[in-house]
Amino acid sequence: MLLIDPASGSIIDANNAAAQFYGYSRQTLCEMKIQQINCLSQEKILGMIQQARQEKHNYFEFPHRLASGEIRTVEVHSSPIETPDGKFLFSIVHDVTDRKKAEKNLRESENKFRQVVSTTPDAIFIARLEDGFIHHVNDSFVSMFGFTQGDLSEQTMVLINLWDDPADEARLVSVLNQKGVCANMETVFRRKDGSRFTGMVSASLIHERDESRMISIVRDISDRILIQKQRQELEHRLFESEKYAALGTLVGGLAHDFNNMLQIIS
């Protein structure tokens, strides 16, 4: 807590918590001005003091310099009070440096996540585990399934018939409840136009805003399935061809032996 003269910025009084935070004795603090602590320009500081004095604003965020030279981010709640010695600003100071750093790191992580989600060719969706309510999809999901973002507003995976067989969704949810993660589950999905495609889905369970959600990644493997089928058909035809070729060789050999036997008899 600081008691500040709004006319000059002088610190009239400070409690022990303020002395401990700033690294000065209470006596030293009371011989200083707030301008020696606040890192903003004197013009800005005095302007904000007047805003608090006139009760236009009572909440501020400042960079404050400690006795060690370290700069900390603080929230200040400041209001005018009347005392026998005059009208001063009663200021409560909270150190929010660590919180601000955490918020900054979180924003950076969210930005990186959004960049990854928006650029991956795989479809990504985040849905509530309990009922499949769709919270977010990326652009690849929109293009892969043929929906618009508007189509998916206030929808669930069941309502948009995302799964060709709803039992597959139940199986995915069951695995997530048991293990928290499901990897490479092959299933058939439905597009908006009713057409089907084979996809590989991997999902993880996350907890956000007091609810369980699944973040799922879907990869269209229709081409891979088609290639595998074509390869199997080719291998089968090759096997049949080799089988008939071997049979032809055997028949030819038998005919040759038979001819030799006839020549001997004659």
C-alpha atoms as a PDB file:
ATOM      1  CA  MET A   1       0.000   0.000   0.000  1.00  0.00           C
ATOM      2  CA  LEU A   2       1.182   3.513  -0.858  1.00  0.00           C
ATOM      3  CA  LEU A   3      -0.249   6.880   0.154  1.00  0.00           C
ATOM      4  CA  ILE A   4       0.637   9.442  -2.509  1.00  0.00           C
ATOM      5  CA  ASP A   5       0.347  13.217  -2.696  1.00  0.00           C
ATOM      6  CA  PRO A   6      -1.423  13.823  -6.055  1.00  0.00           C
ATOM      7  CA  ALA A   7       0.060  17.305  -6.378  1.00  0.00           C
ATOM      8  CA  SER A   8       3.723  16.257  -6.321  1.00  0.00           C
ATOM      9  CA  GLY A   9       3.767  12.462  -6.472  1.00  0.00           C
ATOM     10  CA  SER A  10       5.491  12.272  -3.104  1.00  0.00           C
ATOM     11  CA  ILE A  11       5.010   9.060  -1.160  1.00  0.00           C
ATOM     12  CA  ILE A  12       3.465  10.088   2.154  1.00  0.00           C
ATOM     13  CA  ASP A  13       3.254   6.619   3.670  1.00  0.00           C
ATOM     14  CA  ALA A  14       3.923   2.966   2.815  1.00  0.00           C
ATOM     15  CA  ASN A  15       3.223  -0.284   4.633  1.00  0.00           C
ATOM     16  CA  ASN A  16       5.721  -3.028   5.396  1.00  0.00           C
ATOM     17  CA  ALA A  17       4.568  -5.109   2.414  1.00  0.00           C
ATOM     18  CA  ALA A  18       5.428  -2.228   0.063  1.00  0.00           C
ATOM     19  CA  ALA A  19       8.826  -1.794   1.673  1.00  0.00           C
ATOM     20  CA  GLN A  20       9.524  -5.505   1.312  1.00  0.00           C
ATOM     21  CA  PHE A  21       8.359  -5.570  -2.324  1.00  0.00           C
ATOM     22  CA  TYR A  22      10.298  -2.530  -3.490  1.00  0.00           C
ATOM     23  CA  GLY A  23      13.396  -3.365  -1.439  1.00  0.00           C
ATOM     24  CA  TYR A  24      13.531  -0.049   0.446  1.00  0.00           C
ATOM     25  CA  SER A  25      12.938   0.724   4.084  1.00  0.00           C
ATOM     26  CA  ARG A  26       9.652   2.438   4.897  1.00  0.00           C
ATOM     27  CA  GLN A  27      11.573   5.575   5.827  1.00  0.00           C
ATOM     28  CA  THR A  28      13.367   5.637   2.470  1.00  0.00           C
ATOM     29  CA  LEU A  29      10.119   5.048   0.573  1.00  0.00           C
ATOM     30  CA  CYS A  30       8.495   7.953   2.363  1.00  0.00           C
ATOM     31  CA  GLU A  31      11.328  10.205   1.208  1.00  0.00           C
ATOM     32  CA  MET A  32      10.780   9.263  -2.460  1.00  0.00           C
ATOM     33  CA  LYS A  33       8.361  10.235  -5.183  1.00  0.00           C
ATOM     34  CA  ILE A  34       6.361   7.769  -7.207  1.00  0.00           C
ATOM     35  CA  GLN A  35       8.171   9.059 -10.295  1.00  0.00           C
ATOM     36  CA  GLN A  36      11.344   7.405  -8.945  1.00  0.00           C
ATOM     37  CA  ILE A  37       9.594   4.032  -8.994  1.00  0.00           C
ATOM     38  CA  ASN A  38       7.252   4.262 -11.964  1.00  0.00           C
ATOM     39  CA  CYS A  39       9.152   3.806 -15.258  1.00  0.00           C
ATOM     40  CA  LEU A  40       6.755   5.917 -17.331  1.00  0.00           C
ATOM     41  CA  SER A  41       7.496   9.537 -18.174  1.00  0.00           C
ATOM     42  CA  GLN A  42       6.722  12.117 -15.516  1.00  0.00           C
ATOM     43  CA  GLU A  43       4.101  13.672 -17.788  1.00  0.00           C
ATOM     44  CA  LYS A  44       2.205  10.367 -18.105  1.00  0.00           C
ATOM     45  CA  ILE A  45       2.522   9.611 -14.419  1.00  0.00           C
ATOM     46  CA  LEU A  46       1.143  12.991 -13.337  1.00  0.00           C
ATOM     47  CA  GLY A  47      -1.633  12.705 -15.915  1.00  0.00           C
ATOM     48  CA  MET A  48      -2.736   9.326 -14.517  1.00  0.00           C
ATOM     49  CA  ILE A  49      -2.483  10.657 -10.966  1.00  0.00           C
ATOM     50  CA  GLN A  50      -4.937  13.380 -11.897  1.00  0.00           C
ATOM     51  CA  GLN A  51      -7.279  10.820 -13.461  1.00  0.00           C
ATOM     52  CA  ALA A  52      -7.279   8.891 -10.185  1.00  0.00           C
ATOM     53  CA  ARG A  53      -7.636  12.110  -8.173  1.00  0.00           C
ATOM     54  CA  GLN A  54     -10.706  13.103 -10.227  1.00  0.00           C
ATOM     55  CA  GLU A  55     -11.994   9.492  -9.976  1.00  0.00           C
ATOM     56  CA  LYS A  56     -12.070   9.105 -13.764  1.00  0.00           C
ATOM     57  CA  HIS A  57      -9.990   5.925 -13.450  1.00  0.00           C
ATOM     58  CA  ASN A  58      -8.962   3.873 -10.461  1.00  0.00           C
ATOM     59  CA  TYR A  59      -7.200   0.936 -12.134  1.00  0.00           C
ATOM     60  CA  PHE A  60      -3.785   1.189 -13.780  1.00  0.00           C
ATOM     61  CA  GLU A  61      -1.008  -1.083 -14.963  1.00  0.00           C
ATOM     62  CA  PHE A  62       2.553   0.200 -14.572  1.00  0.00           C
ATOM     63  CA  PRO A  63       6.170  -0.920 -14.856  1.00  0.00           C
ATOM     64  CA  HIS A  64       7.740  -0.280 -11.421  1.00  0.00           C
ATOM     65  CA  ARG A  65      11.462  -0.353 -10.704  1.00  0.00           C
ATOM     66  CA  LEU A  66      12.658  -2.047  -7.509  1.00  0.00           C
ATOM     67  CA  ALA A  67      15.678  -1.014  -5.452  1.00  0.00           C
ATOM     68  CA  SER A  68      17.629  -3.816  -7.164  1.00  0.00           C
ATOM     69  CA  GLY A  69      16.925  -2.261 -10.568  1.00  0.00           C
ATOM     70  CA  GLU A  70      14.563  -5.064 -11.568  1.00  0.00           C
ATOM     71  CA  ILE A  71      11.419  -3.891 -13.326  1.00  0.00           C
ATOM     72  CA  ARG A  72       8.152  -5.556 -12.325  1.00  0.00           C
ATOM     73  CA  THR A  73       4.682  -5.178 -13.818  1.00  0.00           C
ATOM     74  CA  VAL A  74       2.149  -4.067 -11.227  1.00  0.00           C
ATOM     75  CA  GLU A  75      -1.580  -3.462 -11.085  1.00  0.00           C
ATOM     76  CA  VAL A  76      -2.522  -0.403  -9.092  1.00  0.00           C
ATOM     77  CA  HIS A  77      -5.944   0.368  -7.656  1.00  0.00           C
ATOM     78  CA  SER A  78      -5.894   4.003  -6.641  1.00  0.00           C
ATOM     79  CA  SER A  79      -8.639   6.165  -5.098  1.00  0.00           C
ATOM     80  CA  PRO A  80      -8.674   9.564  -3.366  1.00  0.00           C
ATOM     81  CA  ILE A  81      -9.163   9.669   0.409  1.00  0.00           C
ATOM     82  CA  GLU A  82      -9.559  12.548   2.840  1.00  0.00           C
ATOM     83  CA  THR A  83      -7.190  12.754   5.799  1.00  0.00           C
ATOM     84  CA  PRO A  84      -6.597  15.396   8.475  1.00  0.00           C
ATOM     85  CA  ASP A  85      -3.475  16.344   6.501  1.00  0.00           C
ATOM     86  CA  GLY A  86      -5.250  16.704   3.173  1.00  0.00           C
ATOM     87  CA  LYS A  87      -6.503  14.675   0.207  1.00  0.00           C
ATOM     88  CA  PHE A  88      -4.221  11.850  -0.925  1.00  0.00           C
ATOM     89  CA  LEU A  89      -4.341   8.844  -3.218  1.00  0.00           C
ATOM     90  CA  PHE A  90      -4.661   5.495  -1.498  1.00  0.00           C
ATOM     91  CA  SER A  91      -2.975   2.993  -3.824  1.00  0.00           C
ATOM     92  CA  ILE A  92      -2.999  -0.779  -3.531  1.00  0.00           C
ATOM     93  CA  VAL A  93      -0.200  -2.370  -5.555  1.00  0.00           C
ATOM     94  CA  HIS A  94      -0.226  -5.977  -6.823  1.00  0.00           C
ATOM     95  CA  ASP A  95       2.764  -7.598  -8.517  1.00  0.00           C
ATOM     96  CA  VAL A  96       1.408  -9.314 -11.664  1.00  0.00           C
ATOM     97  CA  THR A  97       4.710  -9.891 -13.474  1.00  0.00           C
ATOM     98  CA  ASP A  98       4.560 -13.681 -13.359  1.00  0.00           C
ATOM     99  CA  ARG A  99       0.911 -13.703 -14.399  1.00  0.00           C
ATOM    100  CA  LYS A 100       1.619 -11.419 -17.348  1.00  0.00           C
ATOM    101  CA  LYS A 101       4.515 -13.624 -18.446  1.00  0.00           C
ATOM    102  CA  ALA A 102       2.309 -16.693 -18.210  1.00  0.00           C
ATOM    103  CA  GLU A 103      -0.420 -14.948 -20.222  1.00  0.00           C
ATOM    104  CA  LYS A 104       2.140 -13.936 -22.848  1.00  0.00           C
ATOM    105  CA  ASN A 105       3.496 -17.487 -23.082  1.00  0.00           C
ATOM    106  CA  LEU A 106      -0.050 -18.811 -23.347  1.00  0.00           C
ATOM    107  CA  ARG A 107      -0.869 -16.385 -26.171  1.00  0.00           C
ATOM    108  CA  GLU A 108       2.305 -17.371 -28.004  1.00  0.00           C
ATOM    109  CA  SER A 109       1.463 -21.064 -27.575  1.00  0.00           C
ATOM    110  CA  GLU A 110      -2.081 -20.461 -28.785  1.00  0.00           C
ATOM    111  CA  ASN A 111      -0.783 -18.564 -31.819  1.00  0.00           C
ATOM    112  CA  LYS A 112       1.601 -21.401 -32.670  1.00  0.00           C
ATOM    113  CA  PHE A 113      -1.200 -23.929 -32.214  1.00  0.00           C
ATOM    114  CA  ARG A 114      -3.511 -21.917 -34.477  1.00  0.00           C
ATOM    115  CA  GLN A 115      -0.785 -21.686 -37.129  1.00  0.00           C
ATOM    116  CA  VAL A 116      -0.244 -25.455 -37.056  1.00  0.00           C
ATOM    117  CA  VAL A 117      -3.975 -26.166 -37.104  1.00  0.00           C
ATOM    118  CA  SER A 118      -4.660 -23.752 -39.943  1.00  0.00           C
ATOM    119  CA  THR A 119      -1.840 -24.979 -42.193  1.00  0.00           C
ATOM    120  CA  THR A 120      -1.991 -28.762 -41.767  1.00  0.00           C
ATOM    121  CA  PRO A 121      -3.633 -30.669 -44.638  1.00  0.00           C
ATOM    122  CA  ASP A 122      -5.302 -32.978 -42.102  1.00  0.00           C
ATOM    123  CA  ALA A 123      -8.780 -32.201 -40.788  1.00  0.00           C
ATOM    124  CA  ILE A 124      -8.777 -31.158 -37.137  1.00  0.00           C
ATOM    125  CA  PHE A 125     -11.805 -30.749 -34.921  1.00  0.00           C
ATOM    126  CA  ILE A 126     -12.311 -30.134 -31.213  1.00  0.00           C
ATOM    127  CA  ALA A 127     -15.533 -31.498 -29.756  1.00  0.00           C
ATOM    128  CA  ARG A 128     -17.054 -31.994 -26.331  1.00  0.00           C
ATOM    129  CA  LEU A 129     -16.552 -35.588 -25.285  1.00  0.00           C
ATOM    130  CA  GLU A 130     -19.929 -35.926 -23.600  1.00  0.00           C
ATOM    131  CA  ASP A 131     -22.151 -35.196 -26.607  1.00  0.00           C
ATOM    132  CA  GLY A 132     -19.847 -34.441 -29.561  1.00  0.00           C
ATOM    133  CA  PHE A 133     -20.669 -30.718 -29.566  1.00  0.00           C
ATOM    134  CA  ILE A 134     -18.278 -29.117 -32.071  1.00  0.00           C
ATOM    135  CA  HIS A 135     -16.204 -26.262 -30.661  1.00  0.00           C
ATOM    136  CA  HIS A 136     -13.719 -25.721 -33.468  1.00  0.00           C
ATOM    137  CA  VAL A 137     -12.700 -27.063 -36.876  1.00  0.00           C
ATOM    138  CA  ASN A 138      -9.836 -26.021 -39.138  1.00  0.00           C
ATOM    139  CA  ASP A 139     -10.022 -25.091 -42.810  1.00  0.00           C
ATOM    140  CA  SER A 140      -8.910 -28.566 -43.877  1.00  0.00           C
ATOM    141  CA  PHE A 141     -11.912 -30.049 -42.066  1.00  0.00           C
ATOM    142  CA  VAL A 142     -14.203 -27.692 -43.975  1.00  0.00           C
ATOM    143  CA  SER A 143     -12.724 -28.663 -47.336  1.00  0.00           C
ATOM    144  CA  MET A 144     -12.451 -32.381 -46.561  1.00  0.00           C
ATOM    145  CA  PHE A 145     -16.033 -32.778 -45.347  1.00  0.00           C
ATOM    146  CA  GLY A 146     -17.647 -30.118 -47.543  1.00  0.00           C
ATOM    147  CA  PHE A 147     -19.148 -28.063 -44.726  1.00  0.00           C
ATOM    148  CA  THR A 148     -18.932 -24.323 -44.120  1.00  0.00           C
ATOM    149  CA  GLN A 149     -18.101 -22.864 -40.741  1.00  0.00           C
ATOM    150  CA  GLY A 150     -21.731 -21.700 -40.565  1.00  0.00           C
ATOM    151  CA  ASP A 151     -22.982 -25.247 -41.125  1.00  0.00           C
ATOM    152  CA  LEU A 152     -21.148 -26.377 -38.002  1.00  0.00           C
ATOM    153  CA  SER A 153     -22.371 -23.671 -35.633  1.00  0.00           C
ATOM    154  CA  GLU A 154     -24.112 -25.193 -32.593  1.00  0.00           C
ATOM    155  CA  GLN A 155     -23.846 -28.676 -34.109  1.00  0.00           C
ATOM    156  CA  THR A 156     -22.706 -32.073 -32.877  1.00  0.00           C
ATOM    157  CA  MET A 157     -20.935 -34.812 -34.795  1.00  0.00           C
ATOM    158  CA  VAL A 158     -24.101 -36.923 -34.656  1.00  0.00           C
ATOM    159  CA  LEU A 159     -26.327 -34.157 -36.041  1.00  0.00           C
ATOM    160  CA  ILE A 160     -24.087 -33.648 -39.074  1.00  0.00           C
ATOM    161  CA  ASN A 161     -23.750 -37.430 -39.617  1.00  0.00           C
ATOM    162  CA  LEU A 162     -19.987 -37.271 -39.465  1.00  0.00           C
ATOM    163  CA  TRP A 163     -19.587 -40.983 -38.787  1.00  0.00           C
ATOM    164  CA  ASP A 164     -20.918 -43.513 -41.292  1.00  0.00           C
ATOM    165  CA  ASP A 165     -21.328 -45.910 -38.376  1.00  0.00           C
ATOM    166  CA  PRO A 166     -22.138 -44.114 -35.068  1.00  0.00           C
ATOM    167  CA  ALA A 167     -20.679 -47.112 -33.242  1.00  0.00           C
ATOM    168  CA  ASP A 168     -17.230 -45.936 -34.380  1.00  0.00           C
ATOM    169  CA  GLU A 169     -17.694 -42.652 -32.519  1.00  0.00           C
ATOM    170  CA  ALA A 170     -18.757 -44.587 -29.421  1.00  0.00           C
ATOM    171  CA  ARG A 171     -15.646 -46.761 -29.783  1.00  0.00           C
ATOM    172  CA  LEU A 172     -13.413 -43.687 -30.045  1.00  0.00           C
ATOM    173  CA  VAL A 173     -15.001 -42.071 -26.975  1.00  0.00           C
ATOM    174  CA  SER A 174     -14.637 -45.318 -25.031  1.00  0.00           C
ATOM    175  CA  VAL A 175     -10.923 -45.542 -25.812  1.00  0.00           C
ATOM    176  CA  LEU A 176     -10.409 -41.895 -24.850  1.00  0.00           C
ATOM    177  CA  ASN A 177     -12.197 -42.415 -21.533  1.00  0.00           C
ATOM    178  CA  GLN A 178     -10.018 -45.423 -20.797  1.00  0.00           C
ATOM    179  CA  LYS A 179      -6.624 -44.309 -22.094  1.00  0.00           C
ATOM    180  CA  GLY A 180      -6.877 -40.589 -22.845  1.00  0.00           C
ATOM    181  CA  VAL A 181      -5.553 -41.144 -26.361  1.00  0.00           C
ATOM    182  CA  CYS A 182      -6.538 -43.101 -29.474  1.00  0.00           C
ATOM    183  CA  ALA A 183      -4.115 -43.576 -32.363  1.00  0.00           C
ATOM    184  CA  ASN A 184      -4.706 -44.511 -36.007  1.00  0.00           C
ATOM    185  CA  MET A 185      -8.287 -45.715 -35.846  1.00  0.00           C
ATOM    186  CA  GLU A 186      -9.535 -46.533 -39.328  1.00  0.00           C
ATOM    187  CA  THR A 187     -13.172 -45.710 -40.016  1.00  0.00           C
ATOM    188  CA  VAL A 188     -15.561 -44.458 -42.676  1.00  0.00           C
ATOM    189  CA  PHE A 189     -16.745 -40.850 -42.586  1.00  0.00           C
ATOM    190  CA  ARG A 190     -19.587 -39.058 -44.340  1.00  0.00           C
ATOM    191  CA  ARG A 191     -19.247 -35.788 -46.207  1.00  0.00           C
ATOM    192  CA  LYS A 192     -21.980 -33.160 -46.300  1.00  0.00           C
ATOM    193  CA  ASP A 193     -23.172 -34.459 -49.692  1.00  0.00           C
ATOM    194  CA  GLY A 194     -23.539 -37.982 -48.297  1.00  0.00           C
ATOM    195  CA  SER A 195     -20.488 -39.429 -50.021  1.00  0.00           C
ATOM    196  CA  ARG A 196     -18.174 -41.597 -47.945  1.00  0.00           C
ATOM    197  CA  PHE A 197     -14.437 -41.853 -47.555  1.00  0.00           C
ATOM    198  CA  THR A 198     -12.088 -43.895 -45.429  1.00  0.00           C
ATOM    199  CA  GLY A 199     -10.187 -41.926 -42.839  1.00  0.00           C
ATOM    200  CA  MET A 200      -7.577 -42.507 -40.175  1.00  0.00           C
ATOM    201  CA  VAL A 201      -8.423 -40.677 -36.941  1.00  0.00           C
ATOM    202  CA  SER A 202      -6.177 -40.029 -33.947  1.00  0.00           C
ATOM    203  CA  ALA A 203      -7.471 -38.209 -30.891  1.00  0.00           C
ATOM    204  CA  SER A 204      -6.422 -36.994 -27.462  1.00  0.00           C
ATOM    205  CA  LEU A 205      -8.468 -36.081 -24.425  1.00  0.00           C
ATOM    206  CA  ILE A 206      -8.051 -32.534 -23.109  1.00  0.00           C
ATOM    207  CA  HIS A 207      -9.714 -30.657 -20.261  1.00  0.00           C
ATOM    208  CA  GLU A 208     -10.770 -27.085 -20.887  1.00  0.00           C
ATOM    209  CA  ARG A 209     -13.278 -24.816 -19.159  1.00  0.00           C
ATOM    210  CA  ASP A 210     -14.435 -27.535 -16.773  1.00  0.00           C
ATOM    211  CA  GLU A 211     -15.337 -29.998 -19.510  1.00  0.00           C
ATOM    212  CA  SER A 212     -13.662 -32.891 -21.292  1.00  0.00           C
ATOM    213  CA  ARG A 213     -12.969 -32.376 -24.963  1.00  0.00           C
ATOM    214  CA  MET A 214     -11.359 -34.426 -27.672  1.00  0.00           C
ATOM    215  CA  ILE A 215      -9.012 -32.958 -30.203  1.00  0.00           C
ATOM    216  CA  SER A 216      -9.083 -35.203 -33.254  1.00  0.00           C
ATOM    217  CA  ILE A 217      -7.030 -35.360 -36.425  1.00  0.00           C
ATOM    218  CA  VAL A 218      -8.508 -37.043 -39.508  1.00  0.00           C
ATOM    219  CA  ARG A 219      -6.444 -38.072 -42.509  1.00  0.00           C
ATOM    220  CA  ASP A 220      -8.151 -39.111 -45.731  1.00  0.00           C
ATOM    221  CA  ILE A 221      -6.611 -42.466 -46.656  1.00  0.00           C
ATOM    222  CA  SER A 222      -8.975 -43.283 -49.533  1.00  0.00           C
ATOM    223  CA  ASP A 223      -6.151 -43.086 -52.085  1.00  0.00           C
ATOM    224  CA  ARG A 224      -3.972 -45.352 -49.971  1.00  0.00           C
ATOM    225  CA  ILE A 225      -6.803 -47.874 -49.624  1.00  0.00           C
ATOM    226  CA  LEU A 226      -7.388 -47.736 -53.393  1.00  0.00           C
ATOM    227  CA  ILE A 227      -3.690 -48.284 -54.122  1.00  0.00           C
ATOM    228  CA  GLN A 228      -3.579 -51.229 -51.711  1.00  0.00           C
ATOM    229  CA  LYS A 229      -6.622 -52.759 -53.396  1.00  0.00           C
ATOM    230  CA  GLN A 230      -5.123 -52.273 -56.860  1.00  0.00           C
ATOM    231  CA  ARG A 231      -1.848 -53.815 -55.711  1.00  0.00           C
ATOM    232  CA  GLN A 232      -3.673 -56.812 -54.260  1.00  0.00           C
ATOM    233  CA  GLU A 233      -5.603 -57.262 -57.518  1.00  0.00           C
ATOM    234  CA  LEU A 234      -2.374 -57.004 -59.502  1.00  0.00           C
ATOM    235  CA  GLU A 235      -0.669 -59.538 -57.244  1.00  0.00           C
ATOM    236  CA  HIS A 236      -3.648 -61.870 -57.671  1.00  0.00           C
ATOM    237  CA  ARG A 237      -3.557 -61.553 -61.474  1.00  0.00           C
ATOM    238  CA  LEU A 238       0.181 -62.102 -61.454  1.00  0.00           C
ATOM    239  CA  PHE A 239      -0.245 -65.175 -59.285  1.00  0.00           C
ATOM    240  CA  GLU A 240      -2.923 -66.539 -61.623  1.00  0.00           C
ATOM    241  CA  SER A 241      -0.743 -65.785 -64.641  1.00  0.00           C
ATOM    242  CA  GLU A 242       2.242 -67.553 -63.106  1.00  0.00           C
ATOM    243  CA  LYS A 243       0.012 -70.452 -62.081  1.00  0.00           C
ATOM    244  CA  TYR A 244      -1.282 -70.911 -65.645  1.00  0.00           C
ATOM    245  CA  ALA A 245       2.199 -70.492 -67.046  1.00  0.00           C
ATOM    246  CA  ALA A 246       3.466 -73.216 -64.740  1.00  0.00           C
ATOM    247  CA  LEU A 247       0.540 -75.417 -65.740  1.00  0.00           C
ATOM    248  CA  GLY A 248       1.314 -74.825 -69.416  1.00  0.00           C
ATOM    249  CA  THR A 249       4.937 -75.792 -68.853  1.00  0.00           C
ATOM    250  CA  LEU A 250       3.853 -78.968 -67.079  1.00  0.00           C
ATOM    251  CA  VAL A 251       1.403 -79.901 -69.835  1.00  0.00           C
ATOM    252  CA  GLY A 252       4.024 -79.198 -72.465  1.00  0.00           C
ATOM    253  CA  GLY A 253       6.498 -81.420 -70.656  1.00  0.00           C
ATOM    254  CA  LEU A 254       3.994 -84.257 -70.381  1.00  0.00           C
ATOM    255  CA  ALA A 255       3.141 -83.996 -74.076  1.00  0.00           C
ATOM    256  CA  HIS A 256       6.828 -84.189 -74.967  1.00  0.00           C
ATOM    257  CA  ASP A 257       7.306 -87.283 -72.805  1.00  0.00           C
ATOM    258  CA  PHE A 258       4.201 -88.875 -74.293  1.00  0.00           C
ATOM    259  CA  ASN A 259       5.447 -88.295 -77.828  1.00  0.00           C
ATOM    260  CA  ASN A 260       8.772 -89.918 -76.941  1.00  0.00           C
ATOM    261  CA  MET A 261       6.958 -92.944 -75.577  1.00  0.00           C
ATOM    262  CA  LEU A 262       4.927 -93.280 -78.801  1.00  0.00           C
ATOM    263  CA  GLN A 263       8.066 -93.113 -80.882  1.00  0.00           C
ATOM    264  CA  ILE A 264       9.637 -95.935 -78.846  1.00  0.00           C
ATOM    265  CA  ILE A 265       6.510 -98.117 -79.180  1.00  0.00           C
ATOM    266  CA  SER A 266       6.342 -97.571 -82.946  1.00  0.00           C
END
